Amino acid sequence: MTAKTTTTVISTLEKLFEEHFGKPSEEITALPVSGSDRRYYRLSAGSTTAIGTYNANVAENNTYFYFTELFRKHEINVPEVYKTSKDRRSYLQQDVGSTTLFDQLMKEGLTDEVRKNFHKSLEQLARVQWIAGREADFNQCFATRQFDEKAIMGDLLYFKYYFADLQKVHYDRQTLMGEMELLSKELGRIQPQMLMYRDFQSRNIMLHEGKLYFIDYQGGMQGPPQYDIASLLWQAKAKLPAAWKEDLLNGYIATLNSLPIPRMDEIHFRRGYTQFVLIRLLQVLGAYGFRGLLEHKPHFLSSIGPALKNLEGFISDNPQLLPSYPELRSLLEKISTPEIQARYGGAKTVAEEVKLKVEISSFSYKVGGVPKDKTSHGGGYVFDCRGILNPGRYSAYKTLTGQDELVRQFLDKETQMPEFLQHVYGLVSINIDDYIARGFEHLSVAFGCTGGQHRSVYAAESLAKFIESKYHVPVTVTHHNQQKWVLASEQLNG
C-alpha cells in the first residue's frame, strides 16, 4: 500500500472501531505481515481492543466472512467479525490475543498441557470438517472449490519447480511428470471429501482466555480431511515426536466415532492419511522454496532444514510408500540427504566448525558517512540504499525507523527494496560461502541512506535475519546514526 492508502485504511478502521464500540480508538499498532497481502492492526481504547484488517481481495474476504458465520453457527471458536466497510476491503474483528499454539509449544515444550491443546484442536477440527462441512456451500470458496486431481498436481508442480529443481540433483523429468500425473489421479479419487481447512497448523490456532480459536481459514475448500491432520502433526518446526502423532491421530478418530456422522472405514482412512502427509510435506517445501530461496524471507528459509528432516524421517518410516512411483521416491531420497539438509542448517556440526562472524551496520551519508572497518583484512561490502523510495518523505513515517512494522511494510510492498535485497543476499552469500570454506573469521556489510533511519536500518536488519537463518553464524547489527534519529517522543519533548 502507498502512504496515502495506509492513511485511508487506518482512518477507515478507526471509524469502524468507533461505530462498534461507541468510543474512538486511542492507539493503533501495525501487526507483523506473514506470507499474505493482508494488513493487520490492533486498535485499542483503554482495555477495549480489536483487530482491524485490510485486504484488497474482496472475494477472499467474502469467503472469510462466510466461513466465519458458518463456524460460529456450529459453536466453533473463531474471531467474531464486528463490522465491515462498505467496500468490504476493511473489517474489524475480535482480538484473540497474540499467543499461538506454536508459541506455547516452543515455550513450554512437550508438556501434558500442550498435548491437551493439540487434542482439543483436532476435536474442533473434526467439527469444522464433518459438522459445519456437511452444509458448506463450496461455491463460496474464492479460489479453488475442491482439492481434486488438478489441485494436487498443482501442489506437486509447486514442489518440483520451486524446490526440487533448485537443488541441482539429477532425475528423469519426463518419468517424474508421468508419475506425478498418476499420483494426482489416484489421490484425487480418495473419499470422503469434506470441508478442508487447507492450512491447519499450530500458528493458525490462537490461545485466548482458556479457549482455542482458529484463524486464517479463508483458503478452505472441499477435500480430504486427512490433509488437515497431516498439516498439523507434520508441521516442520513443531517437531512433534512419533508417539504424539500416533496419539493425536487416534484421538481424532475417536472424536469422529463420537460425532453424529456415518461410520468410516478406519483402515482406508489411515492409508489416505499417510498419502496426504506426503503431499503436505511436498507442498510445504514448495512454499519454503518460493518464499525462502526465491524471495529470501528468513522465516521460510530457516524452515527448510526441519522440513527436509521431516521428509527424511517420513520416507524412512514408510519403506513401502510409492511402490508404483520409483522416480519420485528416488528424487525425495536425494533431496532429503544429510548433505542437502546441511545446506539449510540441518547439521549442527557445520555451524560449530565455522569461525566466521558477520558485522552489519547502517549509517547516514549526510551525517558521519561510511563507517571504517576496524578489522585486519577489511573484507566486506557497502551498499547505497538511496535509490529506494524514502519513507521519511511522508509524515506518517517521518518519526518511525526501519525497525517499525509500518516502515517495514511500506518498504517491502511499495518500493524496490525486495529486489534490492535479493541482489544483496546473492552477493553477500558468495563471500560467506567462500569465507566459511577458507576459514576466514570476519565479514562486514554496511548500508547507507540519507538519514540512516529508515532504508539502511531496514536493510541491515533484514540481512541479519537472512544470514542467521541460512548460515547460523554469529551476526551483530549496529546503527551508527541511532542517537540522531528523529523520533515522535523527541518531537513531543521538544
Protein backbone atom coordinates (compact mmCIF):
# COMPACT_ATOMS: atom_id res chain seq x y z
CA MET A 1 0.00 0.00 0.00
CA THR A 2 1.10 3.56 -0.62
CA ALA A 3 1.41 6.00 2.25
CA LYS A 4 -1.88 7.60 1.17
CA THR A 5 -3.64 4.23 1.08
CA THR A 6 -2.26 3.32 4.51
CA THR A 7 -3.61 6.57 5.96
CA THR A 8 -7.02 5.92 4.37
CA VAL A 9 -7.12 2.33 5.68
CA ILE A 10 -6.23 3.38 9.22
CA SER A 11 -8.89 6.09 9.10
CA THR A 12 -11.49 3.54 7.93
CA LEU A 13 -10.56 1.08 10.69
CA GLU A 14 -10.71 3.82 13.32
CA LYS A 15 -14.20 4.72 12.08
CA LEU A 16 -15.33 1.07 12.31
CA PHE A 17 -13.93 0.88 15.84
CA GLU A 18 -15.80 3.99 16.98
CA GLU A 19 -19.04 2.87 15.33
CA HIS A 20 -18.91 -0.54 17.03
CA PHE A 21 -17.66 0.39 20.50
CA GLY A 22 -19.13 3.89 20.74
CA LYS A 23 -15.77 5.48 21.52
CA PRO A 24 -12.72 6.43 19.47
CA SER A 25 -9.58 4.31 19.43
CA GLU A 26 -6.66 5.75 21.37
CA GLU A 27 -3.88 3.68 19.85
CA ILE A 28 -3.32 1.69 16.65
CA THR A 29 -0.38 -0.66 16.13
CA ALA A 30 0.60 -2.45 12.94
CA LEU A 31 0.98 -6.21 13.38
CA PRO A 32 3.55 -8.36 11.53
CA VAL A 33 2.79 -9.45 7.97
CA SER A 34 3.39 -13.10 7.03
CA GLY A 35 3.07 -14.56 3.55
CA SER A 36 -0.18 -12.85 2.52
CA ASP A 37 -1.02 -9.33 1.33
CA ARG A 38 -3.40 -8.72 4.23
CA ARG A 39 -2.61 -5.94 6.73
CA TYR A 40 -3.43 -6.28 10.41
CA TYR A 41 -3.67 -3.58 13.09
CA ARG A 42 -4.51 -3.73 16.78
CA LEU A 43 -6.80 -0.86 17.81
CA SER A 44 -7.40 -0.07 21.45
CA ALA A 45 -9.16 2.32 23.80
CA GLY A 46 -8.30 1.53 27.40
CA SER A 47 -8.98 -2.19 27.95
CA THR A 48 -11.11 -2.44 24.77
CA THR A 49 -9.24 -3.91 21.82
CA ALA A 50 -10.00 -5.20 18.34
CA ILE A 51 -8.10 -6.32 15.26
CA GLY A 52 -8.52 -4.23 12.12
CA THR A 53 -7.82 -6.00 8.83
CA TYR A 54 -7.35 -4.67 5.31
CA ASN A 55 -7.35 -6.91 2.26
CA ALA A 56 -7.92 -5.61 -1.27
CA ASN A 57 -9.08 -9.08 -2.40
CA VAL A 58 -12.82 -8.75 -1.79
CA ALA A 59 -13.56 -12.30 -2.99
CA GLU A 60 -11.17 -13.68 -0.37
CA ASN A 61 -12.77 -11.50 2.30
CA ASN A 62 -16.24 -12.72 1.37
CA THR A 63 -15.08 -16.33 1.73
CA TYR A 64 -13.67 -15.48 5.16
CA PHE A 65 -16.93 -13.82 6.24
CA TYR A 66 -18.94 -16.81 5.00
CA PHE A 67 -16.85 -19.40 6.84
CA THR A 68 -16.79 -17.24 9.99
CA GLU A 69 -20.58 -17.17 10.08
CA LEU A 70 -20.81 -20.89 9.34
CA PHE A 71 -18.31 -21.87 12.04
CA ARG A 72 -19.83 -19.64 14.70
CA LYS A 73 -23.24 -21.14 13.92
CA HIS A 74 -21.82 -24.54 14.88
CA GLU A 75 -20.10 -23.17 18.02
CA ILE A 76 -16.59 -23.43 16.59
CA ASN A 77 -14.31 -20.82 18.14
CA VAL A 78 -13.28 -18.25 15.54
CA PRO A 79 -12.93 -14.46 15.96
CA GLU A 80 -16.21 -12.61 15.61
CA VAL A 81 -16.35 -10.12 12.74
CA TYR A 82 -17.77 -6.95 14.30
CA LYS A 83 -18.13 -4.64 11.30
CA THR A 84 -17.10 -4.41 7.66
CA SER A 85 -16.56 -1.36 5.46
CA LYS A 86 -18.93 -0.69 2.57
CA ASP A 87 -16.34 -1.81 0.02
CA ARG A 88 -15.72 -4.97 2.12
CA ARG A 89 -11.96 -4.42 1.98
CA SER A 90 -11.62 -3.44 5.65
CA TYR A 91 -13.14 -5.15 8.65
CA LEU A 92 -12.99 -5.12 12.42
CA GLN A 93 -12.87 -8.38 14.33
CA GLN A 94 -12.44 -9.82 17.80
CA ASP A 95 -8.97 -9.63 19.30
CA VAL A 96 -7.96 -13.14 20.39
CA GLY A 97 -4.51 -12.15 21.58
CA SER A 98 -1.13 -12.93 20.10
CA THR A 99 -0.26 -16.34 21.59
CA THR A 100 -0.47 -19.28 19.22
CA LEU A 101 -0.38 -22.99 19.96
CA PHE A 102 3.03 -22.99 18.27
CA ASP A 103 4.21 -20.30 20.71
CA GLN A 104 3.07 -22.43 23.64
CA LEU A 105 4.83 -25.48 22.23
CA MET A 106 8.10 -23.55 21.78
CA LYS A 107 7.90 -22.02 25.26
CA GLU A 108 6.70 -24.99 27.32
CA GLY A 109 7.88 -27.97 25.26
CA LEU A 110 6.15 -31.33 25.07
CA THR A 111 4.05 -30.96 28.21
CA ASP A 112 0.71 -32.57 29.04
CA GLU A 113 -0.97 -29.17 28.72
CA VAL A 114 0.40 -28.67 25.21
CA ARG A 115 -0.69 -32.18 24.22
CA LYS A 116 -4.21 -31.48 25.54
CA ASN A 117 -4.39 -28.35 23.40
CA PHE A 118 -3.36 -30.31 20.31
CA HIS A 119 -6.10 -32.84 21.10
CA LYS A 120 -8.65 -30.03 21.57
CA SER A 121 -7.57 -28.53 18.24
CA LEU A 122 -8.21 -31.80 16.43
CA GLU A 123 -11.55 -32.25 18.19
CA GLN A 124 -12.63 -28.81 16.97
CA LEU A 125 -11.18 -29.52 13.52
CA ALA A 126 -13.41 -32.61 13.27
CA ARG A 127 -16.44 -30.38 13.86
CA VAL A 128 -15.23 -27.96 11.18
CA GLN A 129 -14.84 -30.74 8.64
CA TRP A 130 -17.74 -33.07 9.38
CA ILE A 131 -20.43 -30.93 11.05
CA ALA A 132 -20.01 -27.46 9.52
CA GLY A 133 -18.66 -29.10 6.37
CA ARG A 134 -21.81 -31.07 5.55
CA GLU A 135 -23.76 -27.86 4.99
CA ALA A 136 -20.93 -25.79 3.49
CA ASP A 137 -21.61 -24.09 0.16
CA PHE A 138 -18.34 -24.62 -1.71
CA ASN A 139 -19.41 -22.07 -4.32
CA GLN A 140 -18.39 -19.53 -1.66
CA CYS A 141 -14.72 -20.54 -1.97
CA PHE A 142 -12.83 -17.65 -3.54
CA ALA A 143 -10.10 -19.58 -5.38
CA THR A 144 -10.35 -23.37 -5.63
CA ARG A 145 -13.57 -25.13 -4.68
CA GLN A 146 -12.13 -28.62 -4.39
CA PHE A 147 -8.79 -30.26 -3.64
CA ASP A 148 -9.11 -32.51 -6.67
CA GLU A 149 -6.69 -34.05 -9.16
CA LYS A 150 -5.78 -30.65 -10.65
CA ALA A 151 -5.15 -29.07 -7.25
CA ILE A 152 -2.98 -31.99 -6.14
CA MET A 153 -0.97 -31.80 -9.36
CA GLY A 154 -0.59 -28.07 -8.70
CA ASP A 155 0.97 -28.81 -5.30
CA LEU A 156 3.33 -31.38 -6.81
CA LEU A 157 4.45 -28.96 -9.53
CA TYR A 158 4.87 -26.24 -6.89
CA PHE A 159 7.30 -28.55 -5.11
CA LYS A 160 9.08 -29.53 -8.33
CA TYR A 161 9.66 -26.04 -9.72
CA TYR A 162 10.23 -24.05 -6.54
CA PHE A 163 12.24 -26.56 -4.53
CA ALA A 164 13.40 -29.75 -6.24
CA ASP A 165 14.67 -28.03 -9.40
CA LEU A 166 16.66 -25.55 -7.28
CA GLN A 167 18.65 -28.34 -5.56
CA LYS A 168 20.53 -29.33 -8.74
CA VAL A 169 20.02 -33.08 -8.34
CA HIS A 170 19.62 -35.38 -11.32
CA TYR A 171 16.32 -37.05 -12.14
CA ASP A 172 14.39 -38.12 -15.24
CA ARG A 173 11.98 -35.24 -15.79
CA GLN A 174 9.67 -37.00 -18.23
CA THR A 175 9.30 -40.05 -16.00
CA LEU A 176 8.72 -37.88 -12.94
CA MET A 177 5.98 -35.86 -14.63
CA GLY A 178 4.23 -39.06 -15.66
CA GLU A 179 4.37 -40.40 -12.11
CA MET A 180 3.08 -37.12 -10.67
CA GLU A 181 0.09 -37.21 -13.02
CA LEU A 182 -0.74 -40.79 -11.99
CA LEU A 183 -0.36 -39.97 -8.28
CA SER A 184 -2.64 -36.93 -8.66
CA LYS A 185 -5.33 -39.09 -10.27
CA GLU A 186 -5.02 -41.72 -7.53
CA LEU A 187 -5.29 -39.25 -4.65
CA GLY A 188 -7.95 -37.14 -6.35
CA ARG A 189 -10.36 -40.11 -6.07
CA ILE A 190 -9.90 -40.60 -2.32
CA GLN A 191 -13.07 -40.36 -0.26
CA PRO A 192 -14.54 -38.89 1.86
CA GLN A 193 -14.45 -35.27 0.69
CA MET A 194 -15.38 -32.88 3.48
CA LEU A 195 -14.55 -29.24 4.34
CA MET A 196 -10.76 -29.00 4.21
CA TYR A 197 -9.17 -26.15 6.21
CA ARG A 198 -6.10 -26.22 3.87
CA ASP A 199 -3.58 -24.52 6.21
CA PHE A 200 -4.33 -26.13 9.54
CA GLN A 201 -1.13 -25.66 11.56
CA SER A 202 -0.29 -24.53 15.07
CA ARG A 203 0.48 -20.94 14.05
CA ASN A 204 -3.17 -20.60 12.98
CA ILE A 205 -4.51 -21.71 16.36
CA MET A 206 -4.72 -18.97 18.99
CA LEU A 207 -4.84 -19.44 22.77
CA HIS A 208 -7.03 -16.81 24.41
CA GLU A 209 -8.68 -16.75 27.84
CA GLY A 210 -8.57 -20.53 28.18
CA LYS A 211 -10.02 -21.23 24.72
CA LEU A 212 -8.65 -22.20 21.31
CA TYR A 213 -9.51 -20.01 18.32
CA PHE A 214 -8.94 -20.81 14.65
CA ILE A 215 -7.73 -18.12 12.20
CA ASP A 216 -6.73 -17.93 8.51
CA TYR A 217 -9.30 -20.37 7.15
CA GLN A 218 -10.25 -18.39 4.04
CA GLY A 219 -8.43 -20.99 1.92
CA GLY A 220 -10.97 -23.65 2.87
CA MET A 221 -12.39 -25.95 0.19
CA GLN A 222 -13.89 -29.38 -0.33
CA GLY A 223 -11.24 -32.02 0.15
CA PRO A 224 -9.88 -34.97 2.14
CA PRO A 225 -9.92 -34.38 5.93
CA GLN A 226 -6.64 -36.30 6.30
CA TYR A 227 -4.75 -33.41 4.68
CA ASP A 228 -5.53 -31.08 7.62
CA ILE A 229 -4.42 -33.65 10.20
CA ALA A 230 -1.15 -34.07 8.31
CA SER A 231 -0.69 -30.28 8.22
CA LEU A 232 -0.87 -30.03 12.00
CA LEU A 233 1.02 -33.15 13.03
CA TRP A 234 3.83 -32.78 10.49
CA GLN A 235 4.47 -29.04 10.81
CA ALA A 236 8.24 -28.82 10.29
CA LYS A 237 9.30 -26.57 13.17
CA ALA A 238 6.87 -28.14 15.64
CA LYS A 239 8.89 -31.39 15.52
CA LEU A 240 6.21 -33.50 17.21
CA PRO A 241 7.54 -36.95 18.20
CA ALA A 242 6.12 -40.06 16.55
CA ALA A 243 4.33 -41.12 19.75
CA TRP A 244 2.48 -37.79 19.85
CA LYS A 245 1.48 -38.05 16.19
CA GLU A 246 0.02 -41.51 16.71
CA ASP A 247 -1.77 -40.49 19.92
CA LEU A 248 -3.25 -37.38 18.30
CA LEU A 249 -4.38 -39.29 15.20
CA ASN A 250 -6.06 -41.85 17.46
CA GLY A 251 -7.75 -39.01 19.33
CA TYR A 252 -9.09 -37.53 16.11
CA ILE A 253 -10.52 -40.90 15.03
CA ALA A 254 -12.12 -41.34 18.47
CA THR A 255 -13.74 -37.92 18.06
CA LEU A 256 -15.20 -38.98 14.70
CA ASN A 257 -16.72 -42.04 16.35
CA SER A 258 -18.49 -39.78 18.86
CA LEU A 259 -19.97 -37.39 16.27
CA PRO A 260 -23.42 -37.92 14.71
CA ILE A 261 -21.94 -38.90 11.32
CA PRO A 262 -21.81 -42.18 9.33
CA ARG A 263 -19.09 -44.61 10.42
CA MET A 264 -16.00 -44.55 8.25
CA ASP A 265 -13.52 -47.27 7.28
CA GLU A 266 -10.60 -46.66 9.65
CA ILE A 267 -8.07 -48.69 7.67
CA HIS A 268 -8.92 -46.81 4.47
CA PHE A 269 -8.81 -43.51 6.38
CA ARG A 270 -5.34 -44.19 7.82
CA ARG A 271 -3.97 -45.19 4.42
CA GLY A 272 -5.24 -41.93 2.95
CA TYR A 273 -3.69 -40.04 5.87
CA THR A 274 -0.23 -41.44 5.06
CA GLN A 275 -0.58 -40.45 1.41
CA PHE A 276 -1.63 -36.91 2.24
CA VAL A 277 1.20 -36.49 4.74
CA LEU A 278 3.49 -36.85 1.73
CA ILE A 279 1.53 -34.32 -0.35
CA ARG A 280 1.56 -31.81 2.51
CA LEU A 281 5.31 -32.24 3.08
CA LEU A 282 5.98 -31.55 -0.61
CA GLN A 283 3.59 -28.59 -0.77
CA VAL A 284 5.31 -27.04 2.25
CA LEU A 285 8.74 -27.49 0.69
CA GLY A 286 7.45 -25.75 -2.43
CA ALA A 287 6.23 -22.84 -0.31
CA TYR A 288 9.52 -22.66 1.61
CA GLY A 289 11.43 -22.74 -1.67
CA PHE A 290 9.38 -19.94 -3.19
CA ARG A 291 9.29 -17.71 -0.10
CA GLY A 292 12.75 -18.61 1.16
CA LEU A 293 15.03 -19.42 -1.78
CA LEU A 294 13.46 -17.03 -4.28
CA GLU A 295 12.01 -14.26 -2.10
CA HIS A 296 14.72 -14.68 0.59
CA LYS A 297 12.30 -14.42 3.53
CA PRO A 298 14.21 -15.58 6.63
CA HIS A 299 11.33 -17.38 8.38
CA PHE A 300 10.71 -19.62 5.37
CA LEU A 301 14.42 -20.10 4.72
CA SER A 302 15.02 -21.27 8.28
CA SER A 303 12.15 -23.78 7.95
CA ILE A 304 13.73 -25.70 5.05
CA GLY A 305 16.15 -27.71 7.22
CA PRO A 306 13.43 -29.00 9.60
CA ALA A 307 11.13 -29.71 6.62
CA LEU A 308 13.80 -31.85 4.93
CA LYS A 309 14.42 -33.68 8.21
CA ASN A 310 10.68 -34.31 8.37
CA LEU A 311 10.69 -35.72 4.85
CA GLU A 312 13.71 -37.94 5.54
CA GLY A 313 12.04 -39.43 8.61
CA PHE A 314 8.74 -39.96 6.81
CA ILE A 315 10.38 -41.82 3.91
CA SER A 316 12.44 -43.93 6.30
CA ASP A 317 9.37 -44.88 8.35
CA ASN A 318 7.35 -45.82 5.26
CA PRO A 319 9.56 -48.14 3.17
CA GLN A 320 6.53 -49.41 1.20
CA LEU A 321 5.47 -45.90 0.21
CA LEU A 322 5.27 -45.07 -3.53
CA PRO A 323 5.99 -48.58 -4.91
CA SER A 324 4.46 -47.51 -8.23
CA TYR A 325 6.39 -44.23 -8.33
CA PRO A 326 10.11 -45.14 -8.21
CA GLU A 327 11.38 -41.93 -9.84
CA LEU A 328 9.52 -39.73 -7.34
CA ARG A 329 10.77 -41.76 -4.40
CA SER A 330 14.33 -41.60 -5.74
CA LEU A 331 14.08 -37.81 -6.05
CA LEU A 332 12.76 -37.47 -2.49
CA GLU A 333 15.59 -39.60 -1.15
CA LYS A 334 18.14 -37.44 -2.98
CA ILE A 335 16.85 -34.09 -1.75
CA SER A 336 16.50 -35.22 1.88
CA THR A 337 20.06 -36.49 2.35
CA PRO A 338 22.12 -35.12 5.27
CA GLU A 339 24.32 -33.30 2.74
CA ILE A 340 21.41 -31.24 1.38
CA GLN A 341 19.98 -30.75 4.87
CA ALA A 342 23.35 -29.26 5.85
CA ARG A 343 22.87 -26.53 3.23
CA TYR A 344 19.99 -25.22 5.29
CA GLY A 345 21.41 -25.58 8.78
CA GLY A 346 20.28 -29.17 9.14
CA ALA A 347 23.60 -30.33 10.59
CA LYS A 348 24.79 -28.66 13.80
CA THR A 349 28.36 -29.75 13.25
CA VAL A 350 28.61 -27.43 10.25
CA ALA A 351 27.78 -24.36 12.31
CA GLU A 352 30.02 -25.48 15.17
CA GLU A 353 33.07 -25.62 12.88
CA VAL A 354 32.51 -22.15 11.38
CA LYS A 355 34.74 -19.35 12.70
CA LEU A 356 33.13 -16.57 10.69
CA LYS A 357 31.47 -13.61 12.38
CA VAL A 358 29.49 -11.05 10.40
CA GLU A 359 29.16 -7.38 11.39
CA ILE A 360 26.32 -5.43 9.77
CA SER A 361 25.73 -1.72 10.16
CA SER A 362 23.59 1.16 8.95
CA PHE A 363 24.81 4.71 8.55
CA SER A 364 23.91 8.17 7.23
CA TYR A 365 25.68 9.57 4.20
CA LYS A 366 24.62 13.01 5.46
CA VAL A 367 25.99 12.54 8.98
CA GLY A 368 29.19 10.60 9.55
CA GLY A 369 29.46 8.86 6.20
CA VAL A 370 30.76 5.36 5.54
CA PRO A 371 31.98 3.71 8.79
CA LYS A 372 35.57 2.47 8.88
CA ASP A 373 36.24 -1.27 9.04
CA LYS A 374 38.48 -1.84 12.06
CA THR A 375 39.38 -5.45 11.22
CA SER A 376 42.73 -6.51 9.81
CA HIS A 377 41.68 -7.54 6.28
CA GLY A 378 38.80 -5.10 5.70
CA GLY A 379 36.68 -7.58 3.74
CA GLY A 380 33.09 -6.74 3.00
CA TYR A 381 30.53 -4.56 1.26
CA VAL A 382 28.99 -1.09 1.39
CA PHE A 383 25.53 -0.75 -0.17
CA ASP A 384 23.86 2.55 -1.05
CA CYS A 385 20.10 2.47 -0.31
CA ARG A 386 19.38 5.99 -1.60
CA GLY A 387 17.94 4.62 -4.85
CA ILE A 388 14.99 3.24 -2.86
CA LEU A 389 11.93 5.44 -2.22
CA ASN A 390 12.42 7.10 1.18
CA PRO A 391 9.59 6.58 3.73
CA GLY A 392 10.93 9.62 5.59
CA ARG A 393 9.37 11.83 2.90
CA TYR A 394 5.93 11.03 4.31
CA SER A 395 4.67 12.39 7.61
CA ALA A 396 3.22 9.00 8.63
CA TYR A 397 6.74 7.50 8.72
CA LYS A 398 8.95 10.50 9.50
CA THR A 399 9.27 9.76 13.21
CA LEU A 400 9.48 5.98 12.75
CA THR A 401 12.51 3.84 11.87
CA GLY A 402 13.35 0.81 9.78
CA GLN A 403 12.67 -1.28 12.89
CA ASP A 404 8.97 -0.30 12.96
CA GLU A 405 6.39 -2.55 11.34
CA LEU A 406 4.71 0.25 9.36
CA VAL A 407 8.02 1.22 7.75
CA ARG A 408 8.90 -2.42 7.06
CA GLN A 409 5.54 -2.94 5.35
CA PHE A 410 5.99 0.22 3.27
CA LEU A 411 9.47 -0.72 2.10
CA ASP A 412 8.50 -4.33 1.44
CA LYS A 413 5.33 -3.61 -0.53
CA GLU A 414 5.67 -0.13 -2.04
CA THR A 415 9.32 0.16 -3.03
CA GLN A 416 12.02 -1.79 -4.86
CA MET A 417 13.60 -2.80 -1.56
CA PRO A 418 12.76 -6.53 -2.02
CA GLU A 419 14.54 -6.60 -5.41
CA PHE A 420 17.45 -4.62 -3.97
CA LEU A 421 17.81 -7.06 -1.08
CA GLN A 422 17.65 -10.10 -3.36
CA HIS A 423 20.78 -8.82 -5.11
CA VAL A 424 22.40 -8.08 -1.76
CA TYR A 425 21.67 -11.58 -0.46
CA GLY A 426 23.14 -13.13 -3.58
CA LEU A 427 26.35 -11.08 -3.46
CA VAL A 428 26.90 -11.49 0.27
CA SER A 429 26.23 -15.24 0.07
CA ILE A 430 29.05 -15.64 -2.46
CA ASN A 431 31.54 -14.23 0.05
CA ILE A 432 30.10 -16.04 3.06
CA ASP A 433 30.31 -19.39 1.28
CA ASP A 434 33.91 -18.66 0.31
CA TYR A 435 34.91 -17.26 3.71
CA ILE A 436 33.50 -20.28 5.53
CA ALA A 437 35.33 -22.67 3.19
CA ARG A 438 38.61 -20.82 3.69
CA GLY A 439 38.28 -20.37 7.44
CA PHE A 440 38.02 -16.56 7.44
CA GLU A 441 36.78 -15.02 10.68
CA HIS A 442 35.19 -11.71 9.73
CA LEU A 443 32.95 -10.07 7.13
CA SER A 444 31.48 -6.58 7.32
CA VAL A 445 28.46 -5.23 5.48
CA ALA A 446 27.25 -1.62 5.70
CA PHE A 447 24.10 0.02 4.38
CA GLY A 448 23.79 3.77 3.93
CA CYS A 449 20.93 6.13 3.22
CA THR A 450 20.39 9.87 3.64
CA GLY A 451 19.48 9.92 7.32
CA GLY A 452 20.44 6.43 8.45
CA GLN A 453 16.99 5.91 9.98
CA HIS A 454 14.68 4.09 7.56
CA ARG A 455 16.03 2.33 4.45
CA SER A 456 19.51 1.44 5.70
CA VAL A 457 18.17 0.26 9.07
CA TYR A 458 15.58 -1.98 7.43
CA ALA A 459 18.18 -3.41 5.03
CA ALA A 460 20.67 -4.11 7.84
CA GLU A 461 18.07 -5.87 9.99
CA SER A 462 16.80 -7.90 7.00
CA LEU A 463 20.27 -9.10 6.00
CA ALA A 464 21.00 -10.12 9.60
CA LYS A 465 17.88 -12.32 9.69
CA PHE A 466 18.76 -13.83 6.31
CA ILE A 467 22.32 -14.74 7.35
CA GLU A 468 21.25 -16.13 10.72
CA SER A 469 18.60 -18.29 9.04
CA LYS A 470 20.78 -19.58 6.22
CA TYR A 471 24.21 -19.92 7.84
CA HIS A 472 23.66 -19.95 11.62
CA VAL A 473 26.77 -17.83 12.19
CA PRO A 474 27.10 -15.01 14.76
CA VAL A 475 25.79 -11.68 13.45
CA THR A 476 25.96 -8.26 15.10
CA VAL A 477 23.99 -5.21 13.95
CA THR A 478 24.99 -1.60 14.69
CA HIS A 479 23.04 1.51 13.70
CA HIS A 480 25.64 4.29 13.68
CA ASN A 481 23.19 7.18 13.43
CA GLN A 482 20.76 5.89 16.10
CA GLN A 483 21.46 8.74 18.51
CA LYS A 484 20.32 11.24 15.86
CA TRP A 485 17.11 9.51 14.79
CA VAL A 486 14.07 11.82 14.66
CA LEU A 487 11.50 10.12 16.88
CA ALA A 488 7.99 11.06 17.92
CA SER A 489 8.85 11.19 21.63
CA GLU A 490 11.63 13.68 20.94
CA GLN A 491 9.31 15.93 18.95
CA LEU A 492 6.83 15.91 21.84
CA ASN A 493 9.58 16.72 24.34
CA GLY A 494 10.79 19.49 22.08
